[in-house]
């Protein structure tokens, strides 16, 4: 499993859902929207992990 996605708070999960919905409203497929948001979350988690080291 992906620790970056598993460690999201409820608020972060809600924000991710809203981002996915916004992308879908722009005509992006649900799968692609999920992939985009997941990538952003992974990158943010990775940066946070690096800054804590």
C-alpha atoms as a PDB file:
ATOM      1  CA  UNK A   1       0.000   0.000   0.000  1.00  0.00           C
ATOM      2  CA  UNK A   2       0.942   3.616  -0.444  1.00  0.00           C
ATOM      3  CA  UNK A   3       1.799   5.245   2.887  1.00  0.00           C
ATOM      4  CA  UNK A   4       1.335   8.733   1.448  1.00  0.00           C
ATOM      5  CA  UNK A   5      -2.283   7.972   0.679  1.00  0.00           C
ATOM      6  CA  UNK A   6      -2.962   5.849   3.745  1.00  0.00           C
ATOM      7  CA  UNK A   7      -1.899   8.561   6.184  1.00  0.00           C
ATOM      8  CA  UNK A   8      -4.329  11.234   4.967  1.00  0.00           C
ATOM      9  CA  UNK A   9      -6.554  12.926   7.506  1.00  0.00           C
ATOM     10  CA  UNK A  10     -10.270  13.108   6.830  1.00  0.00           C
ATOM     11  CA  UNK A  11      -9.870  16.757   5.816  1.00  0.00           C
ATOM     12  CA  UNK A  12      -7.092  15.880   3.368  1.00  0.00           C
ATOM     13  CA  UNK A  13      -9.228  13.081   1.934  1.00  0.00           C
ATOM     14  CA  UNK A  14     -12.103  15.515   1.460  1.00  0.00           C
ATOM     15  CA  UNK A  15      -9.810  17.983  -0.307  1.00  0.00           C
ATOM     16  CA  UNK A  16      -8.578  15.212  -2.596  1.00  0.00           C
ATOM     17  CA  UNK A  17     -12.159  14.274  -3.493  1.00  0.00           C
ATOM     18  CA  UNK A  18     -12.937  17.916  -4.281  1.00  0.00           C
ATOM     19  CA  UNK A  19      -9.835  18.185  -6.483  1.00  0.00           C
ATOM     20  CA  UNK A  20     -10.811  15.009  -8.333  1.00  0.00           C
ATOM     21  CA  UNK A  21     -14.338  16.300  -8.862  1.00  0.00           C
ATOM     22  CA  UNK A  22     -13.032  19.637 -10.151  1.00  0.00           C
ATOM     23  CA  UNK A  23     -10.757  17.890 -12.647  1.00  0.00           C
ATOM     24  CA  UNK A  24     -13.645  15.693 -13.810  1.00  0.00           C
ATOM     25  CA  UNK A  25     -15.787  18.795 -14.347  1.00  0.00           C
ATOM     26  CA  UNK A  26     -13.057  20.020 -16.690  1.00  0.00           C
ATOM     27  CA  UNK A  27     -13.515  16.883 -18.776  1.00  0.00           C
ATOM     28  CA  UNK A  28     -10.749  14.705 -17.362  1.00  0.00           C
ATOM     29  CA  UNK A  29     -11.697  11.053 -16.865  1.00  0.00           C
ATOM     30  CA  UNK A  30     -12.144   9.828 -13.301  1.00  0.00           C
ATOM     31  CA  UNK A  31      -9.149   7.488 -13.546  1.00  0.00           C
ATOM     32  CA  UNK A  32      -6.876  10.208 -14.840  1.00  0.00           C
ATOM     33  CA  UNK A  33      -8.136  12.687 -12.218  1.00  0.00           C
ATOM     34  CA  UNK A  34      -7.440  10.182  -9.445  1.00  0.00           C
ATOM     35  CA  UNK A  35      -3.956   9.531 -10.839  1.00  0.00           C
ATOM     36  CA  UNK A  36      -3.186  13.267 -10.978  1.00  0.00           C
ATOM     37  CA  UNK A  37      -4.322  13.904  -7.408  1.00  0.00           C
ATOM     38  CA  UNK A  38      -2.580  10.772  -6.100  1.00  0.00           C
ATOM     39  CA  UNK A  39       0.669  11.903  -7.736  1.00  0.00           C
ATOM     40  CA  UNK A  40       0.346  15.338  -6.133  1.00  0.00           C
ATOM     41  CA  UNK A  41      -0.283  13.758  -2.735  1.00  0.00           C
ATOM     42  CA  UNK A  42       2.710  11.437  -3.093  1.00  0.00           C
ATOM     43  CA  UNK A  43       4.974  14.333  -4.064  1.00  0.00           C
ATOM     44  CA  UNK A  44       3.770  16.428  -1.128  1.00  0.00           C
ATOM     45  CA  UNK A  45       4.267  13.508   1.261  1.00  0.00           C
ATOM     46  CA  UNK A  46       7.753  12.866  -0.101  1.00  0.00           C
ATOM     47  CA  UNK A  47       8.733  16.534   0.330  1.00  0.00           C
ATOM     48  CA  UNK A  48       7.359  16.516   3.865  1.00  0.00           C
ATOM     49  CA  UNK A  49       9.321  13.360   4.686  1.00  0.00           C
ATOM     50  CA  UNK A  50      12.513  14.898   3.342  1.00  0.00           C
ATOM     51  CA  UNK A  51      12.059  18.105   5.314  1.00  0.00           C
ATOM     52  CA  UNK A  52      11.537  16.111   8.532  1.00  0.00           C
ATOM     53  CA  UNK A  53      14.802  14.215   8.032  1.00  0.00           C
END
